[in-house]
C-alpha atoms as a PDB file:
ATOM      1  CA  UNK A   1      -2.927  13.790  25.436  1.00  0.00           C
ATOM      2  CA  UNK A   2       0.428  15.776  25.417  1.00  0.00           C
ATOM      3  CA  UNK A   3       2.402  13.053  23.398  1.00  0.00           C
ATOM      4  CA  UNK A   4      -0.057  13.285  20.684  1.00  0.00           C
ATOM      5  CA  UNK A   5       1.072  16.669  19.568  1.00  0.00           C
ATOM      6  CA  UNK A   6       4.579  15.520  20.138  1.00  0.00           C
ATOM      7  CA  UNK A   7       3.924  12.590  17.747  1.00  0.00           C
ATOM      8  CA  UNK A   8       2.237  14.887  15.064  1.00  0.00           C
ATOM      9  CA  UNK A   9       5.136  17.326  15.114  1.00  0.00           C
ATOM     10  CA  UNK A  10       7.798  14.502  15.054  1.00  0.00           C
ATOM     11  CA  UNK A  11       6.070  12.763  12.031  1.00  0.00           C
ATOM     12  CA  UNK A  12       5.574  16.112  10.448  1.00  0.00           C
ATOM     13  CA  UNK A  13       9.548  17.132  10.724  1.00  0.00           C
ATOM     14  CA  UNK A  14      10.342  13.506   9.304  1.00  0.00           C
ATOM     15  CA  UNK A  15       7.985  14.018   6.254  1.00  0.00           C
ATOM     16  CA  UNK A  16       9.156  17.508   5.634  1.00  0.00           C
ATOM     17  CA  UNK A  17      13.143  16.407   6.244  1.00  0.00           C
ATOM     18  CA  UNK A  18      12.509  13.553   3.920  1.00  0.00           C
ATOM     19  CA  UNK A  19      10.821  15.806   1.151  1.00  0.00           C
ATOM     20  CA  UNK A  20      13.634  18.196   1.510  1.00  0.00           C
ATOM     21  CA  UNK A  21      15.954  15.356   0.488  1.00  0.00           C
ATOM     22  CA  UNK A  22      14.257  14.628  -2.506  1.00  0.00           C
ATOM     23  CA  UNK A  23      14.413  17.948  -4.285  1.00  0.00           C
ATOM     24  CA  UNK A  24      14.392  17.753  -8.110  1.00  0.00           C
ATOM     25  CA  UNK A  25      18.069  17.383  -9.537  1.00  0.00           C
ATOM     26  CA  UNK A  26      17.169  20.313 -11.904  1.00  0.00           C
ATOM     27  CA  UNK A  27      20.302  21.906 -13.011  1.00  0.00           C
ATOM     28  CA  UNK A  28      22.468  19.653 -10.648  1.00  0.00           C
ATOM     29  CA  UNK A  29      22.708  16.701 -12.910  1.00  0.00           C
ATOM     30  CA  UNK A  30      25.421  15.377 -15.288  1.00  0.00           C
ATOM     31  CA  UNK A  31      26.228  18.334 -17.929  1.00  0.00           C
ATOM     32  CA  UNK A  32      25.700  17.091 -21.156  1.00  0.00           C
ATOM     33  CA  UNK A  33      28.864  16.949 -23.533  1.00  0.00           C
ATOM     34  CA  UNK A  34      29.101  17.560 -27.276  1.00  0.00           C
ATOM     35  CA  UNK A  35      30.039  13.751 -27.459  1.00  0.00           C
ATOM     36  CA  UNK A  36      26.480  12.528 -25.590  1.00  0.00           C
ATOM     37  CA  UNK A  37      24.691  15.517 -27.502  1.00  0.00           C
ATOM     38  CA  UNK A  38      25.979  13.675 -30.919  1.00  0.00           C
ATOM     39  CA  UNK A  39      25.158  10.293 -29.717  1.00  0.00           C
ATOM     40  CA  UNK A  40      21.707  10.915 -28.791  1.00  0.00           C
ATOM     41  CA  UNK A  41      21.312  12.544 -32.077  1.00  0.00           C
ATOM     42  CA  UNK A  42      22.805   9.555 -33.756  1.00  0.00           C
ATOM     43  CA  UNK A  43      20.250   7.564 -31.895  1.00  0.00           C
ATOM     44  CA  UNK A  44      17.178   9.682 -32.834  1.00  0.00           C
ATOM     45  CA  UNK A  45      18.112   9.959 -36.530  1.00  0.00           C
ATOM     46  CA  UNK A  46      18.504   6.067 -36.674  1.00  0.00           C
ATOM     47  CA  UNK A  47      14.994   5.501 -34.754  1.00  0.00           C
ATOM     48  CA  UNK A  48      13.034   8.205 -36.719  1.00  0.00           C
ATOM     49  CA  UNK A  49      13.990   6.704 -39.960  1.00  0.00           C
ATOM     50  CA  UNK A  50      15.905   9.632 -41.671  1.00  0.00           C
ATOM     51  CA  UNK A  51      18.085   7.269 -43.548  1.00  0.00           C
ATOM     52  CA  UNK A  52      15.283   5.730 -45.042  1.00  0.00           C
ATOM     53  CA  UNK A  53      14.411   8.326 -47.412  1.00  0.00           C
ATOM     54  CA  UNK A  54      17.346  10.661 -47.494  1.00  0.00           C
ATOM     55  CA  UNK A  55      20.058   7.970 -48.049  1.00  0.00           C
ATOM     56  CA  UNK A  56      20.153   6.970 -51.866  1.00  0.00           C
ATOM     57  CA  UNK A  57      20.098   2.961 -52.072  1.00  0.00           C
ATOM     58  CA  UNK A  58      22.195   0.449 -53.891  1.00  0.00           C
ATOM     59  CA  UNK A  59      20.547  -2.633 -55.504  1.00  0.00           C
ATOM     60  CA  UNK A  60      22.042  -5.907 -54.002  1.00  0.00           C
ATOM     61  CA  UNK A  61      21.436  -9.580 -53.716  1.00  0.00           C
ATOM     62  CA  UNK A  62      18.563  -9.131 -51.231  1.00  0.00           C
ATOM     63  CA  UNK A  63      17.262  -5.706 -52.615  1.00  0.00           C
ATOM     64  CA  UNK A  64      17.924  -2.205 -51.892  1.00  0.00           C
ATOM     65  CA  UNK A  65      20.408  -1.110 -48.964  1.00  0.00           C
ATOM     66  CA  UNK A  66      21.722   2.265 -47.778  1.00  0.00           C
ATOM     67  CA  UNK A  67      24.538   3.270 -49.710  1.00  0.00           C
ATOM     68  CA  UNK A  68      27.168   4.215 -47.067  1.00  0.00           C
ATOM     69  CA  UNK A  69      29.172   6.343 -49.218  1.00  0.00           C
ATOM     70  CA  UNK A  70      26.023   8.754 -49.633  1.00  0.00           C
ATOM     71  CA  UNK A  71      24.898   8.641 -46.119  1.00  0.00           C
ATOM     72  CA  UNK A  72      21.865  11.084 -45.639  1.00  0.00           C
ATOM     73  CA  UNK A  73      22.941  13.009 -48.621  1.00  0.00           C
ATOM     74  CA  UNK A  74      19.423  13.369 -50.275  1.00  0.00           C
ATOM     75  CA  UNK A  75      18.340  12.541 -53.882  1.00  0.00           C
ATOM     76  CA  UNK A  76      21.700  12.424 -56.314  1.00  0.00           C
ATOM     77  CA  UNK A  77      21.338  15.208 -58.455  1.00  0.00           C
ATOM     78  CA  UNK A  78      22.537  13.414 -61.531  1.00  0.00           C
ATOM     79  CA  UNK A  79      19.831  10.521 -61.048  1.00  0.00           C
ATOM     80  CA  UNK A  80      17.339  10.570 -63.947  1.00  0.00           C
ATOM     81  CA  UNK A  81      13.758  10.289 -63.456  1.00  0.00           C
ATOM     82  CA  UNK A  82      11.695   7.409 -64.877  1.00  0.00           C
ATOM     83  CA  UNK A  83       8.422   8.139 -66.735  1.00  0.00           C
ATOM     84  CA  UNK A  84       5.462   9.009 -64.651  1.00  0.00           C
ATOM     85  CA  UNK A  85       2.245   7.895 -65.413  1.00  0.00           C
ATOM     86  CA  UNK A  86       0.369  11.102 -64.157  1.00  0.00           C
ATOM     87  CA  UNK A  87      -3.393   8.923 -64.580  1.00  0.00           C
ATOM     88  CA  UNK A  88      -2.359   6.783 -61.509  1.00  0.00           C
ATOM     89  CA  UNK A  89      -1.418   9.975 -59.312  1.00  0.00           C
ATOM     90  CA  UNK A  90      -5.029  10.295 -58.502  1.00  0.00           C
ATOM     91  CA  UNK A  91      -5.011   7.102 -56.240  1.00  0.00           C
ATOM     92  CA  UNK A  92      -1.411   6.702 -55.699  1.00  0.00           C
ATOM     93  CA  UNK A  93       1.825   8.062 -54.285  1.00  0.00           C
ATOM     94  CA  UNK A  94       4.954   6.787 -55.760  1.00  0.00           C
ATOM     95  CA  UNK A  95       8.399   6.596 -54.597  1.00  0.00           C
ATOM     96  CA  UNK A  96      11.409   5.988 -57.107  1.00  0.00           C
ATOM     97  CA  UNK A  97      14.011   2.990 -56.602  1.00  0.00           C
ATOM     98  CA  UNK A  98      16.073   4.711 -53.958  1.00  0.00           C
ATOM     99  CA  UNK A  99      13.110   6.030 -52.207  1.00  0.00           C
ATOM    100  CA  UNK A 100      14.811   9.689 -52.503  1.00  0.00           C
ATOM    101  CA  UNK A 101      12.174  10.785 -54.929  1.00  0.00           C
ATOM    102  CA  UNK A 102       8.525  10.881 -54.546  1.00  0.00           C
ATOM    103  CA  UNK A 103       5.547  11.982 -56.975  1.00  0.00           C
ATOM    104  CA  UNK A 104       2.163  12.730 -55.893  1.00  0.00           C
ATOM    105  CA  UNK A 105      -0.526  15.545 -56.027  1.00  0.00           C
ATOM    106  CA  UNK A 106       2.014  18.284 -55.146  1.00  0.00           C
ATOM    107  CA  UNK A 107       4.391  17.189 -57.926  1.00  0.00           C
ATOM    108  CA  UNK A 108       7.757  15.728 -57.311  1.00  0.00           C
ATOM    109  CA  UNK A 109       9.368  16.224 -53.963  1.00  0.00           C
ATOM    110  CA  UNK A 110      13.436  14.976 -53.533  1.00  0.00           C
ATOM    111  CA  UNK A 111      14.916  14.275 -50.387  1.00  0.00           C
ATOM    112  CA  UNK A 112      17.011  16.931 -48.660  1.00  0.00           C
ATOM    113  CA  UNK A 113      21.067  16.497 -48.485  1.00  0.00           C
ATOM    114  CA  UNK A 114      21.330  16.398 -44.579  1.00  0.00           C
ATOM    115  CA  UNK A 115      24.989  16.247 -44.631  1.00  0.00           C
ATOM    116  CA  UNK A 116      27.079  19.410 -43.358  1.00  0.00           C
ATOM    117  CA  UNK A 117      28.189  20.100 -46.607  1.00  0.00           C
ATOM    118  CA  UNK A 118      27.448  23.241 -48.088  1.00  0.00           C
ATOM    119  CA  UNK A 119      25.126  21.618 -50.587  1.00  0.00           C
ATOM    120  CA  UNK A 120      23.470  20.432 -47.604  1.00  0.00           C
ATOM    121  CA  UNK A 121      22.815  21.622 -43.987  1.00  0.00           C
ATOM    122  CA  UNK A 122      26.410  23.003 -44.061  1.00  0.00           C
ATOM    123  CA  UNK A 123      25.605  26.703 -43.638  1.00  0.00           C
ATOM    124  CA  UNK A 124      22.447  26.247 -41.610  1.00  0.00           C
ATOM    125  CA  UNK A 125      22.241  27.261 -38.065  1.00  0.00           C
ATOM    126  CA  UNK A 126      20.728  25.467 -35.339  1.00  0.00           C
ATOM    127  CA  UNK A 127      17.700  27.646 -35.197  1.00  0.00           C
ATOM    128  CA  UNK A 128      17.157  27.485 -38.741  1.00  0.00           C
ATOM    129  CA  UNK A 129      17.027  23.871 -38.592  1.00  0.00           C
ATOM    130  CA  UNK A 130      14.458  23.789 -35.645  1.00  0.00           C
ATOM    131  CA  UNK A 131      12.293  26.196 -37.690  1.00  0.00           C
ATOM    132  CA  UNK A 132      12.310  24.079 -40.513  1.00  0.00           C
ATOM    133  CA  UNK A 133      11.058  21.158 -38.710  1.00  0.00           C
ATOM    134  CA  UNK A 134       8.920  22.855 -36.300  1.00  0.00           C
ATOM    135  CA  UNK A 135       6.946  25.138 -39.153  1.00  0.00           C
ATOM    136  CA  UNK A 136       7.609  23.044 -42.230  1.00  0.00           C
ATOM    137  CA  UNK A 137       9.677  25.451 -43.827  1.00  0.00           C
ATOM    138  CA  UNK A 138      12.223  24.874 -46.562  1.00  0.00           C
ATOM    139  CA  UNK A 139      15.802  25.753 -45.342  1.00  0.00           C
ATOM    140  CA  UNK A 140      14.039  27.092 -42.166  1.00  0.00           C
ATOM    141  CA  UNK A 141      13.759  30.455 -43.652  1.00  0.00           C
ATOM    142  CA  UNK A 142      10.540  32.663 -43.630  1.00  0.00           C
ATOM    143  CA  UNK A 143       9.187  33.159 -46.947  1.00  0.00           C
ATOM    144  CA  UNK A 144      10.271  29.861 -48.503  1.00  0.00           C
ATOM    145  CA  UNK A 145       8.210  27.215 -49.897  1.00  0.00           C
ATOM    146  CA  UNK A 146       6.970  24.277 -47.510  1.00  0.00           C
ATOM    147  CA  UNK A 147       8.662  21.350 -47.013  1.00  0.00           C
ATOM    148  CA  UNK A 148       6.783  18.989 -49.006  1.00  0.00           C
ATOM    149  CA  UNK A 149       5.286  15.157 -48.538  1.00  0.00           C
ATOM    150  CA  UNK A 150       6.365  12.798 -47.827  1.00  0.00           C
ATOM    151  CA  UNK A 151       8.451  14.697 -45.157  1.00  0.00           C
ATOM    152  CA  UNK A 152       6.425  13.763 -41.613  1.00  0.00           C
ATOM    153  CA  UNK A 153       7.928  17.235 -40.529  1.00  0.00           C
ATOM    154  CA  UNK A 154       4.301  17.514 -38.535  1.00  0.00           C
ATOM    155  CA  UNK A 155       5.080  14.586 -36.388  1.00  0.00           C
ATOM    156  CA  UNK A 156       8.711  15.464 -35.650  1.00  0.00           C
ATOM    157  CA  UNK A 157       7.557  19.050 -34.869  1.00  0.00           C
ATOM    158  CA  UNK A 158       6.353  17.581 -31.638  1.00  0.00           C
ATOM    159  CA  UNK A 159      10.187  16.665 -30.795  1.00  0.00           C
ATOM    160  CA  UNK A 160      11.438  18.549 -27.700  1.00  0.00           C
ATOM    161  CA  UNK A 161      14.060  21.327 -28.239  1.00  0.00           C
ATOM    162  CA  UNK A 162      16.771  19.052 -26.639  1.00  0.00           C
ATOM    163  CA  UNK A 163      15.970  16.318 -29.114  1.00  0.00           C
ATOM    164  CA  UNK A 164      15.843  18.524 -32.291  1.00  0.00           C
ATOM    165  CA  UNK A 165      19.205  20.019 -31.123  1.00  0.00           C
ATOM    166  CA  UNK A 166      20.552  16.408 -30.865  1.00  0.00           C
ATOM    167  CA  UNK A 167      19.610  15.335 -34.211  1.00  0.00           C
ATOM    168  CA  UNK A 168      21.235  18.719 -35.467  1.00  0.00           C
ATOM    169  CA  UNK A 169      24.809  18.111 -33.777  1.00  0.00           C
ATOM    170  CA  UNK A 170      24.444  14.640 -34.814  1.00  0.00           C
ATOM    171  CA  UNK A 171      24.014  15.933 -38.589  1.00  0.00           C
ATOM    172  CA  UNK A 172      26.588  18.454 -38.177  1.00  0.00           C
ATOM    173  CA  UNK A 173      29.240  15.634 -37.169  1.00  0.00           C
ATOM    174  CA  UNK A 174      28.587  13.254 -40.073  1.00  0.00           C
ATOM    175  CA  UNK A 175      30.628  13.099 -43.298  1.00  0.00           C
ATOM    176  CA  UNK A 176      29.747  16.136 -45.626  1.00  0.00           C
ATOM    177  CA  UNK A 177      28.764  14.906 -49.001  1.00  0.00           C
ATOM    178  CA  UNK A 178      28.419  17.404 -52.213  1.00  0.00           C
ATOM    179  CA  UNK A 179      25.033  16.806 -53.837  1.00  0.00           C
ATOM    180  CA  UNK A 180      22.696  19.578 -54.737  1.00  0.00           C
ATOM    181  CA  UNK A 181      19.425  18.082 -54.727  1.00  0.00           C
ATOM    182  CA  UNK A 182      16.773  19.070 -57.656  1.00  0.00           C
ATOM    183  CA  UNK A 183      14.210  21.592 -56.888  1.00  0.00           C
ATOM    184  CA  UNK A 184      10.938  20.010 -56.757  1.00  0.00           C
ATOM    185  CA  UNK A 185       8.884  19.602 -59.695  1.00  0.00           C
ATOM    186  CA  UNK A 186       5.349  21.142 -59.479  1.00  0.00           C
ATOM    187  CA  UNK A 187       2.313  18.925 -60.678  1.00  0.00           C
ATOM    188  CA  UNK A 188       1.543  21.188 -63.695  1.00  0.00           C
ATOM    189  CA  UNK A 189       5.053  20.289 -65.003  1.00  0.00           C
ATOM    190  CA  UNK A 190       4.789  16.092 -64.571  1.00  0.00           C
ATOM    191  CA  UNK A 191       3.586  15.627 -68.242  1.00  0.00           C
ATOM    192  CA  UNK A 192       6.605  17.426 -69.513  1.00  0.00           C
ATOM    193  CA  UNK A 193       8.931  14.899 -67.971  1.00  0.00           C
END
């Protein structure tokens, strides 16, 4: 009978010691460097498809492809819009040839310049960027218009703060491209184009 309490105490001691050795590594992991943050951001920008809408396309033998000189610079300021048949908008959402302008019931929206130029996100703070994505506020500022479709900000709003910080760090590290993207066109002005 005296062996049982000794065995129980020994087993309990082993369990407690082994649990103590498996403490979470919170705060003791490898520190995040700016380089690793930027690389994580590049990965996220790639898999989230940011370039699909924010990089103008060129036409090649295999069809449209992203223009590397204009990476993530948004809808080109000087690009004219084609004629829009407003009758089809009750059933359709339409994209232009470069995938940087979209027309629908909300009017016309243009892909933003995400480069670190002043005409893009050059003067933005990390807090503004996170607010823009979390709350769908243009330029991440209170009192501004909402971010318009087709930007899937409600889905991206679910990203972690760490992921949004990584995306912002990457965007701040890329080549700046001067490009003042046009303002959205409200639906009431579509017939005037």
